[in-house]
C-alpha cells in the first residue's frame, strides 16, 4: 500500500486471526487500511494502535459469512 511519500505499510506479520502492521504513518493506516482490505473482500473486525512508541497497528480479521 503506497502513500504519496512512499510505502504506507512497511511490513506485515500475519498470525492466527490478525495482522500486525509496521506503518510509515500510523494515523493514516488506521483510516485507510480497513477500507483497502474491505475492497479486497476481507472483513475487518477492528483496527487499533497497539504500540504507541512504534508505528504499529493491529488488525483483527473476521470471516465472511
PDB file of N, CA and C in Angstrom:
ATOM      1  N   UNK A   1       0.844  -1.163   0.000  1.00  0.00           N
ATOM      2  CA  UNK A   1       0.000   0.000   0.000  1.00  0.00           C
ATOM      3  C   UNK A   1       0.894   1.232   0.000  1.00  0.00           C
ATOM      4  N   UNK A   2       0.679   2.115  -0.961  1.00  0.00           N
ATOM      5  CA  UNK A   2       1.559   3.266  -1.112  1.00  0.00           C
ATOM      6  C   UNK A   2       0.868   4.549  -0.686  1.00  0.00           C
ATOM      7  N   UNK A   3       1.616   5.444  -0.086  1.00  0.00           N
ATOM      8  CA  UNK A   3       1.154   6.800   0.185  1.00  0.00           C
ATOM      9  C   UNK A   3       1.931   7.722  -0.736  1.00  0.00           C
ATOM     10  N   UNK A   4       1.595   8.997  -0.719  1.00  0.00           N
ATOM     11  CA  UNK A   4       2.295   9.930  -1.606  1.00  0.00           C
ATOM     12  C   UNK A   4       3.780  10.016  -1.276  1.00  0.00           C
ATOM     13  N   UNK A   5       4.158   9.704  -0.037  1.00  0.00           N
ATOM     14  CA  UNK A   5       5.549   9.768   0.361  1.00  0.00           C
ATOM     15  C   UNK A   5       6.272   8.439   0.292  1.00  0.00           C
ATOM     16  N   UNK A   6       5.648   7.407  -0.257  1.00  0.00           N
ATOM     17  CA  UNK A   6       6.261   6.082  -0.330  1.00  0.00           C
ATOM     18  C   UNK A   6       5.319   5.034   0.216  1.00  0.00           C
ATOM     19  N   UNK A   7       5.880   3.958   0.752  1.00  0.00           N
ATOM     20  CA  UNK A   7       5.077   2.856   1.277  1.00  0.00           C
ATOM     21  C   UNK A   7       4.376   3.263   2.572  1.00  0.00           C
ATOM     22  N   UNK A   8       3.047   3.099   2.617  1.00  0.00           N
ATOM     23  CA  UNK A   8       2.301   3.361   3.847  1.00  0.00           C
ATOM     24  C   UNK A   8       2.512   2.215   4.833  1.00  0.00           C
ATOM     25  N   UNK A   9       2.417   0.972   4.335  1.00  0.00           N
ATOM     26  CA  UNK A   9       2.665  -0.203   5.172  1.00  0.00           C
ATOM     27  C   UNK A   9       4.042  -0.745   4.812  1.00  0.00           C
ATOM     28  N   UNK A  10       4.953  -0.723   5.789  1.00  0.00           N
ATOM     29  CA  UNK A  10       6.333  -1.150   5.553  1.00  0.00           C
ATOM     30  C   UNK A  10       6.516  -2.653   5.736  1.00  0.00           C
ATOM     31  N   UNK A  11       5.744  -3.253   6.658  1.00  0.00           N
ATOM     32  CA  UNK A  11       5.903  -4.675   6.946  1.00  0.00           C
ATOM     33  C   UNK A  11       4.598  -5.207   7.513  1.00  0.00           C
ATOM     34  N   UNK A  12       4.288  -6.461   7.206  1.00  0.00           N
ATOM     35  CA  UNK A  12       3.080  -7.113   7.711  1.00  0.00           C
ATOM     36  C   UNK A  12       3.467  -8.468   8.278  1.00  0.00           C
ATOM     37  N   UNK A  13       3.001  -8.755   9.486  1.00  0.00           N
ATOM     38  CA  UNK A  13       3.173 -10.067  10.086  1.00  0.00           C
ATOM     39  C   UNK A  13       1.789 -10.656  10.290  1.00  0.00           C
ATOM     40  N   UNK A  14       1.551 -11.839   9.722  1.00  0.00           N
ATOM     41  CA  UNK A  14       0.255 -12.496   9.862  1.00  0.00           C
ATOM     42  C   UNK A  14       0.345 -13.533  10.961  1.00  0.00           C
ATOM     43  N   UNK A  15      -0.674 -13.584  11.803  1.00  0.00           N
ATOM     44  CA  UNK A  15      -0.771 -14.622  12.811  1.00  0.00           C
ATOM     45  C   UNK A  15      -2.237 -14.983  12.957  1.00  0.00           C
ATOM     46  N   UNK A  16      -2.544 -15.980  13.750  1.00  0.00           N
ATOM     47  CA  UNK A  16      -3.903 -16.505  13.863  1.00  0.00           C
ATOM     48  C   UNK A  16      -4.898 -15.400  14.198  1.00  0.00           C
ATOM     49  N   UNK A  17      -5.741 -15.063  13.244  1.00  0.00           N
ATOM     50  CA  UNK A  17      -6.808 -14.105  13.488  1.00  0.00           C
ATOM     51  C   UNK A  17      -6.456 -12.656  13.288  1.00  0.00           C
ATOM     52  N   UNK A  18      -5.255 -12.349  12.837  1.00  0.00           N
ATOM     53  CA  UNK A  18      -4.945 -10.938  12.673  1.00  0.00           C
ATOM     54  C   UNK A  18      -3.665 -10.658  11.932  1.00  0.00           C
ATOM     55  N   UNK A  19      -3.402  -9.390  11.792  1.00  0.00           N
ATOM     56  CA  UNK A  19      -2.197  -8.895  11.134  1.00  0.00           C
ATOM     57  C   UNK A  19      -1.577  -7.826  12.016  1.00  0.00           C
ATOM     58  N   UNK A  20      -0.262  -7.782  12.058  1.00  0.00           N
ATOM     59  CA  UNK A  20       0.435  -6.668  12.690  1.00  0.00           C
ATOM     60  C   UNK A  20       1.123  -5.901  11.579  1.00  0.00           C
ATOM     61  N   UNK A  21       0.894  -4.599  11.545  1.00  0.00           N
ATOM     62  CA  UNK A  21       1.446  -3.752  10.501  1.00  0.00           C
ATOM     63  C   UNK A  21       2.484  -2.811  11.075  1.00  0.00           C
ATOM     64  N   UNK A  22       3.586  -2.639  10.369  1.00  0.00           N
ATOM     65  CA  UNK A  22       4.528  -1.564  10.662  1.00  0.00           C
ATOM     66  C   UNK A  22       4.284  -0.538   9.570  1.00  0.00           C
ATOM     67  N   UNK A  23       3.926   0.669   9.964  1.00  0.00           N
ATOM     68  CA  UNK A  23       3.468   1.663   9.003  1.00  0.00           C
ATOM     69  C   UNK A  23       4.347   2.898   8.977  1.00  0.00           C
ATOM     70  N   UNK A  24       4.302   3.597   7.852  1.00  0.00           N
ATOM     71  CA  UNK A  24       5.005   4.865   7.727  1.00  0.00           C
ATOM     72  C   UNK A  24       4.224   5.975   8.424  1.00  0.00           C
ATOM     73  N   UNK A  25       2.905   5.813   8.521  1.00  0.00           N
ATOM     74  CA  UNK A  25       2.033   6.818   9.131  1.00  0.00           C
ATOM     75  C   UNK A  25       0.883   6.075   9.801  1.00  0.00           C
ATOM     76  N   UNK A  26       1.016   5.858  11.102  1.00  0.00           N
ATOM     77  CA  UNK A  26       0.041   5.042  11.827  1.00  0.00           C
ATOM     78  C   UNK A  26      -1.372   5.602  11.720  1.00  0.00           C
ATOM     79  N   UNK A  27      -1.529   6.912  11.865  1.00  0.00           N
ATOM     80  CA  UNK A  27      -2.867   7.501  11.812  1.00  0.00           C
ATOM     81  C   UNK A  27      -3.521   7.295  10.448  1.00  0.00           C
ATOM     82  N   UNK A  28      -2.769   7.485   9.375  1.00  0.00           N
ATOM     83  CA  UNK A  28      -3.316   7.233   8.030  1.00  0.00           C
ATOM     84  C   UNK A  28      -3.645   5.765   7.848  1.00  0.00           C
ATOM     85  N   UNK A  29      -2.784   4.889   8.351  1.00  0.00           N
ATOM     86  CA  UNK A  29      -3.034   3.451   8.221  1.00  0.00           C
ATOM     87  C   UNK A  29      -4.312   3.061   8.947  1.00  0.00           C
ATOM     88  N   UNK A  30      -4.543   3.625  10.131  1.00  0.00           N
ATOM     89  CA  UNK A  30      -5.756   3.322  10.882  1.00  0.00           C
ATOM     90  C   UNK A  30      -7.001   3.721  10.098  1.00  0.00           C
ATOM     91  N   UNK A  31      -6.895   4.751   9.277  1.00  0.00           N
ATOM     92  CA  UNK A  31      -8.023   5.207   8.468  1.00  0.00           C
ATOM     93  C   UNK A  31      -8.144   4.462   7.143  1.00  0.00           C
ATOM     94  N   UNK A  32      -7.016   4.193   6.482  1.00  0.00           N
ATOM     95  CA  UNK A  32      -7.046   3.694   5.110  1.00  0.00           C
ATOM     96  C   UNK A  32      -6.997   2.172   4.972  1.00  0.00           C
ATOM     97  N   UNK A  33      -6.285   1.493   5.838  1.00  0.00           N
ATOM     98  CA  UNK A  33      -6.106   0.045   5.686  1.00  0.00           C
ATOM     99  C   UNK A  33      -7.434  -0.717   5.749  1.00  0.00           C
ATOM    100  N   UNK A  34      -8.345  -0.413   6.701  1.00  0.00           N
ATOM    101  CA  UNK A  34      -9.616  -1.155   6.708  1.00  0.00           C
ATOM    102  C   UNK A  34     -10.385  -1.034   5.395  1.00  0.00           C
ATOM    103  N   UNK A  35     -10.383   0.140   4.797  1.00  0.00           N
ATOM    104  CA  UNK A  35     -11.083   0.347   3.532  1.00  0.00           C
ATOM    105  C   UNK A  35     -10.452  -0.484   2.416  1.00  0.00           C
ATOM    106  N   UNK A  36      -9.126  -0.483   2.341  1.00  0.00           N
ATOM    107  CA  UNK A  36      -8.434  -1.256   1.305  1.00  0.00           C
ATOM    108  C   UNK A  36      -8.709  -2.748   1.480  1.00  0.00           C
ATOM    109  N   UNK A  37      -8.656  -3.239   2.720  1.00  0.00           N
ATOM    110  CA  UNK A  37      -8.929  -4.655   2.971  1.00  0.00           C
ATOM    111  C   UNK A  37     -10.375  -4.999   2.623  1.00  0.00           C
ATOM    112  N   UNK A  38     -11.308  -4.131   2.994  1.00  0.00           N
ATOM    113  CA  UNK A  38     -12.718  -4.359   2.690  1.00  0.00           C
ATOM    114  C   UNK A  38     -12.956  -4.429   1.187  1.00  0.00           C
ATOM    115  N   UNK A  39     -12.311  -3.538   0.443  1.00  0.00           N
ATOM    116  CA  UNK A  39     -12.435  -3.544  -1.013  1.00  0.00           C
ATOM    117  C   UNK A  39     -11.854  -4.821  -1.620  1.00  0.00           C
ATOM    118  N   UNK A  40     -10.947  -5.471  -0.887  1.00  0.00           N
ATOM    119  CA  UNK A  40     -10.350  -6.728  -1.341  1.00  0.00           C
ATOM    120  C   UNK A  40     -11.152  -7.938  -0.881  1.00  0.00           C
ATOM    121  N   UNK A  41     -12.276  -7.694  -0.196  1.00  0.00           N
ATOM    122  CA  UNK A  41     -13.125  -8.788   0.261  1.00  0.00           C
ATOM    123  C   UNK A  41     -12.756  -9.352   1.613  1.00  0.00           C
ATOM    124  N   UNK A  42     -11.936  -8.637   2.383  1.00  0.00           N
ATOM    125  CA  UNK A  42     -11.526  -9.094   3.710  1.00  0.00           C
ATOM    126  C   UNK A  42     -12.279  -8.274   4.744  1.00  0.00           C
ATOM    127  N   UNK A  43     -13.084  -8.947   5.572  1.00  0.00           N
ATOM    128  CA  UNK A  43     -13.799  -8.253   6.636  1.00  0.00           C
ATOM    129  C   UNK A  43     -12.828  -7.910   7.762  1.00  0.00           C
ATOM    130  N   UNK A  44     -12.927  -6.703   8.251  1.00  0.00           N
ATOM    131  CA  UNK A  44     -12.074  -6.251   9.343  1.00  0.00           C
ATOM    132  C   UNK A  44     -12.961  -5.997  10.550  1.00  0.00           C
ATOM    133  N   UNK A  45     -12.673  -6.686  11.652  1.00  0.00           N
ATOM    134  CA  UNK A  45     -13.456  -6.538  12.871  1.00  0.00           C
ATOM    135  C   UNK A  45     -13.008  -5.316  13.659  1.00  0.00           C
ATOM    136  N   UNK A  46     -11.727  -5.038  13.666  1.00  0.00           N
ATOM    137  CA  UNK A  46     -11.236  -3.899  14.413  1.00  0.00           C
ATOM    138  C   UNK A  46      -9.822  -3.561  14.009  1.00  0.00           C
ATOM    139  N   UNK A  47      -9.451  -2.328  14.219  1.00  0.00           N
ATOM    140  CA  UNK A  47      -8.092  -1.885  13.932  1.00  0.00           C
ATOM    141  C   UNK A  47      -7.699  -0.967  15.065  1.00  0.00           C
ATOM    142  N   UNK A  48      -6.591  -1.249  15.696  1.00  0.00           N
ATOM    143  CA  UNK A  48      -6.185  -0.426  16.817  1.00  0.00           C
ATOM    144  C   UNK A  48      -4.675  -0.285  16.841  1.00  0.00           C
ATOM    145  N   UNK A  49      -4.225   0.817  17.381  1.00  0.00           N
ATOM    146  CA  UNK A  49      -2.797   1.021  17.588  1.00  0.00           C
ATOM    147  C   UNK A  49      -2.412   0.249  18.842  1.00  0.00           C
ATOM    148  N   UNK A  50      -1.364  -0.571  18.761  1.00  0.00           N
ATOM    149  CA  UNK A  50      -1.001  -1.386  19.919  1.00  0.00           C
ATOM    150  C   UNK A  50       0.348  -1.002  20.523  1.00  0.00           C
ATOM    151  N   UNK A  51       1.095  -0.175  19.854  1.00  0.00           N
ATOM    152  CA  UNK A  51       2.417   0.199  20.363  1.00  0.00           C
ATOM    153  C   UNK A  51       2.644   1.659  20.017  1.00  0.00           C
ATOM    154  N   UNK A  52       2.414   2.541  20.986  1.00  0.00           N
ATOM    155  CA  UNK A  52       2.464   3.965  20.682  1.00  0.00           C
ATOM    156  C   UNK A  52       3.871   4.468  20.388  1.00  0.00           C
ATOM    157  N   UNK A  53       4.890   3.738  20.839  1.00  0.00           N
ATOM    158  CA  UNK A  53       6.255   4.195  20.581  1.00  0.00           C
ATOM    159  C   UNK A  53       6.725   3.832  19.178  1.00  0.00           C
ATOM    160  N   UNK A  54       6.035   2.910  18.529  1.00  0.00           N
ATOM    161  CA  UNK A  54       6.382   2.485  17.177  1.00  0.00           C
ATOM    162  C   UNK A  54       5.209   2.776  16.257  1.00  0.00           C
ATOM    163  N   UNK A  55       5.436   2.643  14.981  1.00  0.00           N
ATOM    164  CA  UNK A  55       4.349   2.834  14.021  1.00  0.00           C
ATOM    165  C   UNK A  55       3.692   1.492  13.723  1.00  0.00           C
ATOM    166  N   UNK A  56       3.112   0.889  14.751  1.00  0.00           N
ATOM    167  CA  UNK A  56       2.462  -0.409  14.608  1.00  0.00           C
ATOM    168  C   UNK A  56       0.952  -0.268  14.733  1.00  0.00           C
ATOM    169  N   UNK A  57       0.246  -1.144  14.084  1.00  0.00           N
ATOM    170  CA  UNK A  57      -1.203  -1.251  14.237  1.00  0.00           C
ATOM    171  C   UNK A  57      -1.559  -2.725  14.176  1.00  0.00           C
ATOM    172  N   UNK A  58      -2.646  -3.093  14.818  1.00  0.00           N
ATOM    173  CA  UNK A  58      -3.102  -4.479  14.826  1.00  0.00           C
ATOM    174  C   UNK A  58      -4.470  -4.544  14.176  1.00  0.00           C
ATOM    175  N   UNK A  59      -4.674  -5.519  13.314  1.00  0.00           N
ATOM    176  CA  UNK A  59      -5.955  -5.721  12.654  1.00  0.00           C
ATOM    177  C   UNK A  59      -6.492  -7.079  13.062  1.00  0.00           C
ATOM    178  N   UNK A  60      -7.709  -7.100  13.568  1.00  0.00           N
ATOM    179  CA  UNK A  60      -8.380  -8.370  13.844  1.00  0.00           C
ATOM    180  C   UNK A  60      -9.272  -8.683  12.655  1.00  0.00           C
ATOM    181  N   UNK A  61      -9.054  -9.834  12.057  1.00  0.00           N
ATOM    182  CA  UNK A  61      -9.806 -10.230  10.871  1.00  0.00           C
ATOM    183  C   UNK A  61     -10.961 -11.145  11.259  1.00  0.00           C
ATOM    184  N   UNK A  62     -12.083 -11.020  10.540  1.00  0.00           N
ATOM    185  CA  UNK A  62     -13.211 -11.907  10.758  1.00  0.00           C
ATOM    186  C   UNK A  62     -13.565 -12.578   9.444  1.00  0.00           C
ATOM    187  N   UNK A  63     -14.132 -13.759   9.534  1.00  0.00           N
ATOM    188  CA  UNK A  63     -14.517 -14.488   8.330  1.00  0.00           C
ATOM    189  C   UNK A  63     -15.845 -13.963   7.815  1.00  0.00           C
ATOM    190  N   UNK A  64     -15.970 -13.898   6.493  1.00  0.00           N
ATOM    191  CA  UNK A  64     -17.247 -13.517   5.890  1.00  0.00           C
ATOM    192  C   UNK A  64     -18.207 -14.679   6.021  1.00  0.00           C
ATOM    193  N   UNK A  65     -19.500 -14.330   6.175  1.00  0.00           N
ATOM    194  CA  UNK A  65     -20.448 -15.415   6.191  1.00  0.00           C
ATOM    195  C   UNK A  65     -21.641 -15.151   6.944  1.00  0.00           C
TER     196      UNK A  65
END
